[in-house]
N, C-alpha and C. Protein backbone atom coordinates (compact mmCIF):
# COMPACT_ATOMS: atom_id res chain seq x y z
N MET A 1 102.57 97.39 56.96
CA MET A 1 102.52 96.38 58.07
C MET A 1 103.37 96.79 59.16
N ASN A 2 102.83 97.25 59.90
CA ASN A 2 104.04 97.58 61.29
C ASN A 2 104.86 96.00 61.50
N ILE A 3 105.67 96.39 61.91
CA ILE A 3 106.36 94.54 62.27
C ILE A 3 106.81 94.78 63.68
N ALA A 4 105.21 95.74 64.30
CA ALA A 4 105.04 95.15 65.69
C ALA A 4 104.73 93.59 66.04
N PHE A 5 103.97 93.62 65.54
CA PHE A 5 103.06 92.48 64.75
C PHE A 5 104.05 91.10 64.68
N PHE A 6 105.06 91.56 64.50
CA PHE A 6 105.49 89.92 63.93
C PHE A 6 107.28 89.97 64.93
N LEU A 7 107.11 90.65 65.74
CA LEU A 7 108.26 91.16 66.99
C LEU A 7 108.27 89.42 67.38
N LEU A 8 109.54 88.95 68.11
CA LEU A 8 109.37 88.22 68.86
C LEU A 8 110.51 88.56 69.91
N PRO A 9 109.11 89.07 71.28
CA PRO A 9 109.87 89.87 71.58
C PRO A 9 111.40 89.60 72.65
N LYS A 10 112.27 90.29 73.52
CA LYS A 10 112.99 90.20 74.41
C LYS A 10 113.70 89.04 74.98
N LYS A 11 111.86 88.96 75.66
CA LYS A 11 112.56 87.75 76.86
C LYS A 11 112.33 86.45 75.67
N ASP A 12 112.11 86.77 74.62
CA ASP A 12 111.87 85.32 74.17
C ASP A 12 113.33 84.81 73.17
N VAL A 13 114.08 85.57 73.58
CA VAL A 13 115.39 85.83 72.22
C VAL A 13 116.50 85.58 72.89
N VAL A 14 116.82 84.20 72.67
CA VAL A 14 118.45 83.55 73.28
C VAL A 14 119.46 85.04 72.51
N TYR A 15 120.31 85.73 73.37
CA TYR A 15 121.10 86.38 73.18
C TYR A 15 122.02 86.40 74.23
N LEU A 16 122.92 87.44 73.79
CA LEU A 16 124.77 87.57 74.41
C LEU A 16 125.35 88.85 75.20
N PRO A 17 124.89 88.56 76.46
CA PRO A 17 125.05 90.13 76.86
C PRO A 17 126.71 90.06 76.25
N LEU A 18 126.60 91.59 76.74
CA LEU A 18 128.06 92.09 75.78
C LEU A 18 129.41 91.72 76.61
N LYS A 19 129.47 91.47 77.97
CA LYS A 19 130.22 91.40 78.73
C LYS A 19 130.61 89.99 78.74
N SER A 20 130.17 89.02 78.32
CA SER A 20 130.33 87.62 77.60
C SER A 20 131.42 87.04 77.53
N THR A 21 131.86 85.74 77.55
CA THR A 21 133.18 85.83 76.91
C THR A 21 132.92 84.68 75.59
N MET A 22 134.11 84.29 74.66
CA MET A 22 133.95 83.90 74.01
C MET A 22 133.03 81.70 74.05
N ARG A 23 133.52 81.22 74.94
CA ARG A 23 132.94 80.00 75.51
C ARG A 23 131.91 80.58 75.80
N GLN A 24 131.20 81.37 76.76
CA GLN A 24 129.77 81.41 77.00
C GLN A 24 128.89 81.67 75.40
N ALA A 25 129.98 82.22 74.47
CA ALA A 25 128.76 82.44 73.52
C ALA A 25 129.11 81.53 72.39
N MET A 26 129.52 79.91 72.36
CA MET A 26 129.81 78.91 72.00
C MET A 26 129.81 78.14 72.87
N GLU A 27 129.14 77.95 74.00
CA GLU A 27 128.09 77.37 74.36
C GLU A 27 126.67 77.39 73.74
N LYS A 28 126.70 78.58 74.16
CA LYS A 28 125.35 78.77 74.57
C LYS A 28 124.13 78.40 72.62
N MET A 29 125.53 79.10 71.78
CA MET A 29 124.99 78.85 70.33
C MET A 29 125.07 77.35 70.04
N ASP A 30 125.57 76.48 70.69
CA ASP A 30 125.68 74.94 70.44
C ASP A 30 124.32 74.36 71.38
N TYR A 31 124.28 75.30 72.37
CA TYR A 31 122.58 74.52 73.33
C TYR A 31 121.81 74.66 72.59
N HIS A 32 121.53 76.46 71.88
CA HIS A 32 120.03 76.36 71.17
C HIS A 32 120.25 76.15 69.57
N ARG A 33 121.27 75.31 69.06
CA ARG A 33 121.67 75.65 67.78
C ARG A 33 121.31 76.86 66.78
N TYR A 34 121.91 77.93 67.80
CA TYR A 34 121.59 78.80 66.55
C TYR A 34 123.40 79.19 65.70
N THR A 35 123.25 79.70 64.93
CA THR A 35 124.71 79.72 64.16
C THR A 35 124.50 81.53 64.34
N ALA A 36 123.52 82.30 65.28
CA ALA A 36 124.14 83.91 65.83
C ALA A 36 123.72 84.20 66.01
N LEU A 37 124.00 85.44 67.10
CA LEU A 37 123.18 85.79 68.31
C LEU A 37 123.45 87.60 68.44
N PRO A 38 122.02 87.70 69.02
CA PRO A 38 122.75 89.07 69.46
C PRO A 38 123.35 89.35 70.28
N ILE A 39 124.04 90.32 70.14
CA ILE A 39 124.23 90.88 71.36
C ILE A 39 124.10 92.02 72.15
N ILE A 40 123.87 92.41 73.06
CA ILE A 40 123.13 93.51 73.93
C ILE A 40 123.88 93.96 74.51
N ASP A 41 124.38 95.69 74.90
CA ASP A 41 125.27 95.82 75.85
C ASP A 41 124.97 96.46 77.56
N SER A 42 124.96 96.35 78.53
CA SER A 42 125.11 96.77 80.15
C SER A 42 123.82 97.24 79.95
N GLU A 43 123.21 98.86 78.86
CA GLU A 43 121.85 99.80 79.23
C GLU A 43 120.51 98.31 78.28
N GLY A 44 120.77 97.36 77.79
CA GLY A 44 120.26 96.80 76.65
C GLY A 44 119.95 97.35 75.53
N ARG A 45 121.38 98.13 75.28
CA ARG A 45 121.12 98.13 73.50
C ARG A 45 121.81 97.22 72.88
N TYR A 46 121.35 97.35 71.83
CA TYR A 46 121.75 96.65 70.77
C TYR A 46 123.49 96.48 70.17
N VAL A 47 124.11 96.45 70.40
CA VAL A 47 125.62 96.67 69.38
C VAL A 47 126.08 96.12 68.49
N GLY A 48 125.41 94.47 67.63
CA GLY A 48 125.52 93.86 66.89
C GLY A 48 125.13 92.46 67.24
N THR A 49 125.74 91.95 65.93
CA THR A 49 125.41 90.12 66.09
C THR A 49 126.49 89.43 65.94
N LEU A 50 126.99 88.44 66.65
CA LEU A 50 128.10 87.72 66.75
C LEU A 50 127.22 86.15 66.00
N THR A 51 128.05 85.57 64.68
CA THR A 51 128.18 84.63 64.10
C THR A 51 129.25 83.57 64.56
N GLU A 52 129.07 82.38 63.94
CA GLU A 52 129.63 80.99 63.63
C GLU A 52 131.39 81.55 63.17
N GLY A 53 131.06 82.00 62.44
CA GLY A 53 132.06 82.35 61.38
C GLY A 53 132.57 83.35 62.02
N ASP A 54 131.96 84.07 62.81
CA ASP A 54 133.04 85.09 63.21
C ASP A 54 134.25 84.51 64.41
N LEU A 55 133.65 83.62 65.68
CA LEU A 55 134.06 82.33 66.43
C LEU A 55 135.73 81.23 65.78
N LEU A 56 134.99 81.36 64.63
CA LEU A 56 135.88 80.67 64.04
C LEU A 56 136.70 81.48 63.27
N ARG A 57 137.27 82.57 63.31
CA ARG A 57 137.59 83.39 62.01
C ARG A 57 139.18 84.05 63.70
N LYS A 58 138.46 84.01 64.73
CA LYS A 58 138.98 84.08 65.70
C LYS A 58 140.30 83.21 66.20
N MET A 59 139.45 81.18 65.79
CA MET A 59 140.45 80.66 66.44
C MET A 59 141.47 80.81 65.29
N LYS A 60 141.38 80.80 64.44
CA LYS A 60 142.25 80.74 63.19
C LYS A 60 142.75 82.03 63.12
N ASN A 61 142.83 82.70 63.75
CA ASN A 61 143.93 84.01 63.60
C ASN A 61 144.56 83.85 65.25
N THR A 62 144.06 83.53 66.55
CA THR A 62 144.67 83.58 67.70
C THR A 62 145.53 82.11 67.81
N PRO A 63 146.79 82.46 67.49
CA PRO A 63 147.62 81.15 67.98
C PRO A 63 147.68 80.86 68.89
N GLY A 64 147.44 79.81 69.40
CA GLY A 64 147.47 78.53 70.71
C GLY A 64 146.05 78.77 71.42
N LEU A 65 145.05 79.91 70.90
CA LEU A 65 144.41 79.85 71.04
C LEU A 65 143.48 78.50 71.20
N SER A 66 143.23 77.75 72.37
CA SER A 66 142.56 76.24 72.59
C SER A 66 141.34 76.64 73.29
N PHE A 67 140.43 75.48 72.92
CA PHE A 67 138.82 75.90 73.38
C PHE A 67 138.68 76.15 74.70
N GLU A 68 139.61 75.80 75.90
CA GLU A 68 139.33 75.96 77.37
C GLU A 68 139.99 77.13 77.06
N GLY A 69 140.88 78.19 76.85
CA GLY A 69 141.08 80.09 76.50
C GLY A 69 140.47 80.13 75.85
N THR A 70 139.06 79.58 75.60
CA THR A 70 138.05 80.82 75.31
C THR A 70 137.75 81.33 75.90
N GLU A 71 137.28 80.67 77.50
CA GLU A 71 136.83 81.52 78.89
C GLU A 71 137.45 83.08 78.95
N ARG A 72 139.15 83.12 78.37
CA ARG A 72 139.25 83.92 79.11
C ARG A 72 139.08 85.23 77.53
N VAL A 73 138.36 84.68 76.47
CA VAL A 73 138.04 86.37 75.17
C VAL A 73 137.19 86.81 75.50
N PRO A 74 137.20 88.03 75.93
CA PRO A 74 135.22 88.79 75.94
C PRO A 74 135.04 89.27 75.07
N LEU A 75 133.99 88.86 74.30
CA LEU A 75 132.87 89.66 72.85
C LEU A 75 133.71 90.40 72.18
N GLU A 76 133.75 91.73 72.90
CA GLU A 76 134.69 92.79 73.10
C GLU A 76 135.58 92.51 72.22
N GLU A 77 136.81 91.48 72.14
CA GLU A 77 137.99 90.78 71.84
C GLU A 77 137.07 90.53 69.71
N ILE A 78 136.32 90.03 69.87
CA ILE A 78 135.83 88.93 68.59
C ILE A 78 135.55 89.87 67.57
N PRO A 79 136.19 90.38 66.66
CA PRO A 79 136.02 91.24 65.38
C PRO A 79 134.49 90.53 64.81
N ARG A 80 133.94 91.48 64.51
CA ARG A 80 132.68 91.23 63.67
C ARG A 80 132.43 91.15 62.09
N ARG A 81 132.61 90.19 61.22
CA ARG A 81 133.23 90.64 59.73
C ARG A 81 131.53 91.36 59.60
N LEU A 82 130.33 90.69 60.04
CA LEU A 82 128.85 91.64 58.79
C LEU A 82 128.59 92.57 60.71
N ASN A 83 127.94 93.83 59.78
CA ASN A 83 127.55 94.67 60.69
C ASN A 83 125.97 94.99 60.61
N ASP A 84 125.11 93.58 60.81
CA ASP A 84 123.88 93.54 60.71
C ASP A 84 123.13 95.26 61.82
N LYS A 85 122.10 95.54 60.73
CA LYS A 85 121.68 96.25 61.14
C LYS A 85 120.30 96.50 62.50
N ALA A 86 120.21 97.30 62.78
CA ALA A 86 118.19 97.26 63.53
C ALA A 86 117.91 98.04 63.20
N VAL A 87 116.19 97.81 63.03
CA VAL A 87 115.01 99.06 62.57
C VAL A 87 115.06 99.22 63.91
N PRO A 88 113.77 100.60 64.03
CA PRO A 88 113.00 101.18 64.73
C PRO A 88 111.96 100.42 64.53
N VAL A 89 111.25 99.56 65.88
CA VAL A 89 109.66 99.28 66.00
C VAL A 89 109.05 99.74 65.13
N SER A 90 109.00 101.38 64.60
CA SER A 90 108.00 102.19 64.04
C SER A 90 108.01 101.36 62.79
N ALA A 91 108.77 100.20 62.26
CA ALA A 91 109.64 100.46 60.82
C ALA A 91 108.33 99.16 60.52
N GLN A 92 107.97 99.49 58.62
CA GLN A 92 106.75 98.54 57.87
C GLN A 92 107.49 97.09 57.30
N ILE A 93 107.17 96.30 57.46
CA ILE A 93 107.83 95.28 57.07
C ILE A 93 108.13 95.27 55.84
N GLU A 94 107.41 95.84 54.87
CA GLU A 94 107.96 95.94 53.98
C GLU A 94 109.68 96.33 53.70
N ASP A 95 110.21 97.15 54.33
CA ASP A 95 111.62 98.08 54.58
C ASP A 95 112.27 96.57 55.58
N LEU A 96 111.83 95.63 55.48
CA LEU A 96 112.79 94.27 55.80
C LEU A 96 113.37 93.51 54.94
N LEU A 97 112.91 93.44 53.66
CA LEU A 97 113.38 92.80 52.47
C LEU A 97 114.49 92.57 52.46
N SER A 98 115.23 94.01 52.28
CA SER A 98 116.07 93.92 51.74
C SER A 98 117.19 93.55 52.92
N LEU A 99 117.27 93.58 54.14
CA LEU A 99 118.38 93.44 55.34
C LEU A 99 118.24 91.68 55.42
N ALA A 100 116.69 91.00 55.45
CA ALA A 100 116.20 89.91 55.61
C ALA A 100 116.88 89.17 54.62
N ILE A 101 117.70 89.76 53.00
CA ILE A 101 118.65 88.70 52.21
C ILE A 101 119.73 88.33 53.38
N MET A 102 120.30 89.51 53.93
CA MET A 102 121.50 88.91 54.34
C MET A 102 121.93 88.90 56.11
N GLN A 103 120.33 89.19 56.39
CA GLN A 103 120.77 88.69 58.37
C GLN A 103 119.44 88.07 58.29
N ASN A 104 119.55 86.83 59.46
CA ASN A 104 119.31 85.54 60.11
C ASN A 104 117.97 86.02 60.30
N PHE A 105 118.34 87.54 60.65
CA PHE A 105 116.99 87.91 62.37
C PHE A 105 117.22 89.68 61.76
N ILE A 106 116.79 90.39 62.34
CA ILE A 106 116.03 91.78 62.45
C ILE A 106 116.49 92.53 63.16
N PRO A 107 117.11 92.97 64.17
CA PRO A 107 116.89 92.97 65.67
C PRO A 107 116.16 94.77 65.62
N VAL A 108 115.61 94.80 66.28
CA VAL A 108 114.82 95.73 66.78
C VAL A 108 114.82 96.45 67.89
N VAL A 109 114.69 97.34 67.43
CA VAL A 109 114.31 98.86 69.02
C VAL A 109 113.74 99.79 69.12
N ASP A 110 113.68 100.18 70.09
CA ASP A 110 112.76 101.08 70.76
C ASP A 110 112.80 103.03 69.96
N ASP A 111 112.17 103.47 70.63
CA ASP A 111 112.37 105.22 70.18
C ASP A 111 114.09 105.19 70.71
N SER A 112 114.93 105.02 71.99
CA SER A 112 115.29 104.84 72.24
C SER A 112 116.69 104.14 72.31
N GLY A 113 116.96 103.58 71.17
CA GLY A 113 118.02 102.40 70.81
C GLY A 113 118.02 101.22 71.94
N ILE A 114 116.59 101.20 72.65
CA ILE A 114 116.91 99.18 73.45
C ILE A 114 116.56 98.15 72.98
N PHE A 115 117.02 97.40 72.67
CA PHE A 115 116.84 96.28 72.03
C PHE A 115 115.31 95.46 72.94
N ILE A 116 114.03 95.38 71.45
CA ILE A 116 113.16 95.35 72.32
C ILE A 116 112.79 94.04 72.08
N GLY A 117 113.88 93.06 70.61
CA GLY A 117 113.04 92.32 70.28
C GLY A 117 113.55 91.54 68.86
N ILE A 118 113.72 90.88 67.94
CA ILE A 118 113.83 90.03 66.94
C ILE A 118 112.74 89.88 66.15
N ILE A 119 112.73 90.15 64.71
CA ILE A 119 112.08 89.87 63.73
C ILE A 119 113.07 88.31 62.66
N ARG A 120 112.20 87.19 62.65
CA ARG A 120 112.86 86.19 62.22
C ARG A 120 113.13 86.44 60.46
N ARG A 121 114.01 85.89 59.33
CA ARG A 121 114.10 86.19 58.46
C ARG A 121 112.25 85.22 57.34
N SER A 122 112.74 84.19 58.72
CA SER A 122 111.20 83.04 58.35
C SER A 122 109.93 83.61 57.50
N GLN A 123 110.08 85.09 59.15
CA GLN A 123 108.40 85.50 59.66
C GLN A 123 108.22 86.55 57.67
N ILE A 124 109.30 86.79 57.41
CA ILE A 124 109.50 87.87 56.77
C ILE A 124 108.98 86.99 55.40
N ILE A 125 109.57 86.46 55.16
CA ILE A 125 109.13 84.62 53.86
C ILE A 125 107.81 85.28 53.93
N GLU A 126 107.50 84.10 55.15
CA GLU A 126 105.89 83.82 54.77
C GLU A 126 104.90 85.40 54.56
N TYR A 127 105.31 86.56 55.27
CA TYR A 127 104.29 87.51 55.25
C TYR A 127 104.13 87.60 53.27
N PHE A 128 105.51 87.85 52.66
CA PHE A 128 105.43 88.30 51.61
C PHE A 128 104.93 86.96 50.89
N ALA A 129 105.29 85.65 50.80
CA ALA A 129 104.53 84.69 50.42
C ALA A 129 102.99 84.63 50.37
N ARG A 130 102.24 84.93 51.82
CA ARG A 130 101.22 84.98 51.83
C ARG A 130 100.38 86.03 51.23
N GLU A 131 101.09 87.76 51.16
CA GLU A 131 100.56 88.76 50.09
C GLU A 131 100.44 87.99 48.78
N ARG A 132 101.78 86.97 48.18
CA ARG A 132 101.68 87.22 47.28
C ARG A 132 100.66 86.01 46.54
N ARG A 133 100.16 84.95 47.31
CA ARG A 133 99.47 83.95 47.07
C ARG A 133 97.57 84.62 46.81
N GLN A 134 98.03 85.89 48.28
CA GLN A 134 96.47 86.73 47.75
C GLN A 134 96.11 87.01 46.76
N GLU A 135 97.62 87.87 46.01
CA GLU A 135 97.41 88.51 45.09
C GLU A 135 96.77 87.94 43.48
N ALA A 136 97.62 86.98 43.72
CA ALA A 136 96.91 85.46 43.06
C ALA A 136 96.34 85.02 43.00
N ALA A 137 94.75 85.17 44.21
CA ALA A 137 93.50 84.61 44.05
C ALA A 137 93.28 85.15 43.44
N ARG A 138 93.66 86.81 43.65
CA ARG A 138 92.08 87.63 43.20
C ARG A 138 91.97 88.13 42.05
N PRO A 139 90.45 87.70 41.82
CA PRO A 139 90.47 87.88 40.73
C PRO A 139 90.64 88.98 39.54
N LEU A 140 91.22 89.23 38.56
CA LEU A 140 91.32 89.82 37.60
C LEU A 140 89.78 91.13 37.06
N ARG A 141 90.43 92.21 37.25
CA ARG A 141 89.24 93.52 37.21
C ARG A 141 89.23 93.84 35.35
N MET A 142 88.13 93.47 35.04
CA MET A 142 88.18 94.16 33.86
C MET A 142 88.26 95.42 33.64
N VAL A 143 88.63 96.02 32.75
CA VAL A 143 88.83 97.96 32.91
C VAL A 143 88.06 98.27 31.72
N LYS A 144 87.15 99.44 31.96
CA LYS A 144 86.07 99.64 31.03
C LYS A 144 86.76 100.05 29.38
N GLY A 145 86.22 99.44 28.73
CA GLY A 145 86.95 100.17 27.43
C GLY A 145 87.97 98.52 26.61
N GLU A 146 88.19 97.77 27.61
CA GLU A 146 89.01 96.60 26.82
C GLU A 146 87.99 95.30 26.28
C-alpha cells in the first residue's frame, strides 16, 4: 500500500525551520509535548530530526550555557545523535516498518526532495496490526489431497 494514504501533510506537522534557535526548539517541543521534531531548511527540504536528547546533550556539553543563553544557539550548532531517514512519497508502507523501529515518525519527501509531511509510527503499527487481525480471521483453505 502506498504511504500517501497515511501522510500527515506538512501544514498539519509541527516542525522547526533550520534557522531556529535552541530556545525556540525547546519552547516548541514543550508547548506541543513532542520529544522530536523535523527540521526543514529555507528551500523546504528535510534536513534532520531534533530530539530532546540532542538538546540535553548540547546543554551538558556547553559549559556556562544557561536557559537564557539558548536563544543565541542556532539549531545548526546542535549535533544530532540520530540521522533519521526520509522516504519518497512513492514508498510502500511495508518499506517503513524497519524505520519505524528507530524513529517516532518517518519524514516524507516529494520527487524533488521537498518535505511534504510525516507518517507517525503509530499509524504504521496500526496498519500491520489490522493486517494481522484480518489474516487471522480468514478461514483456512484446504489444499486438495490433504
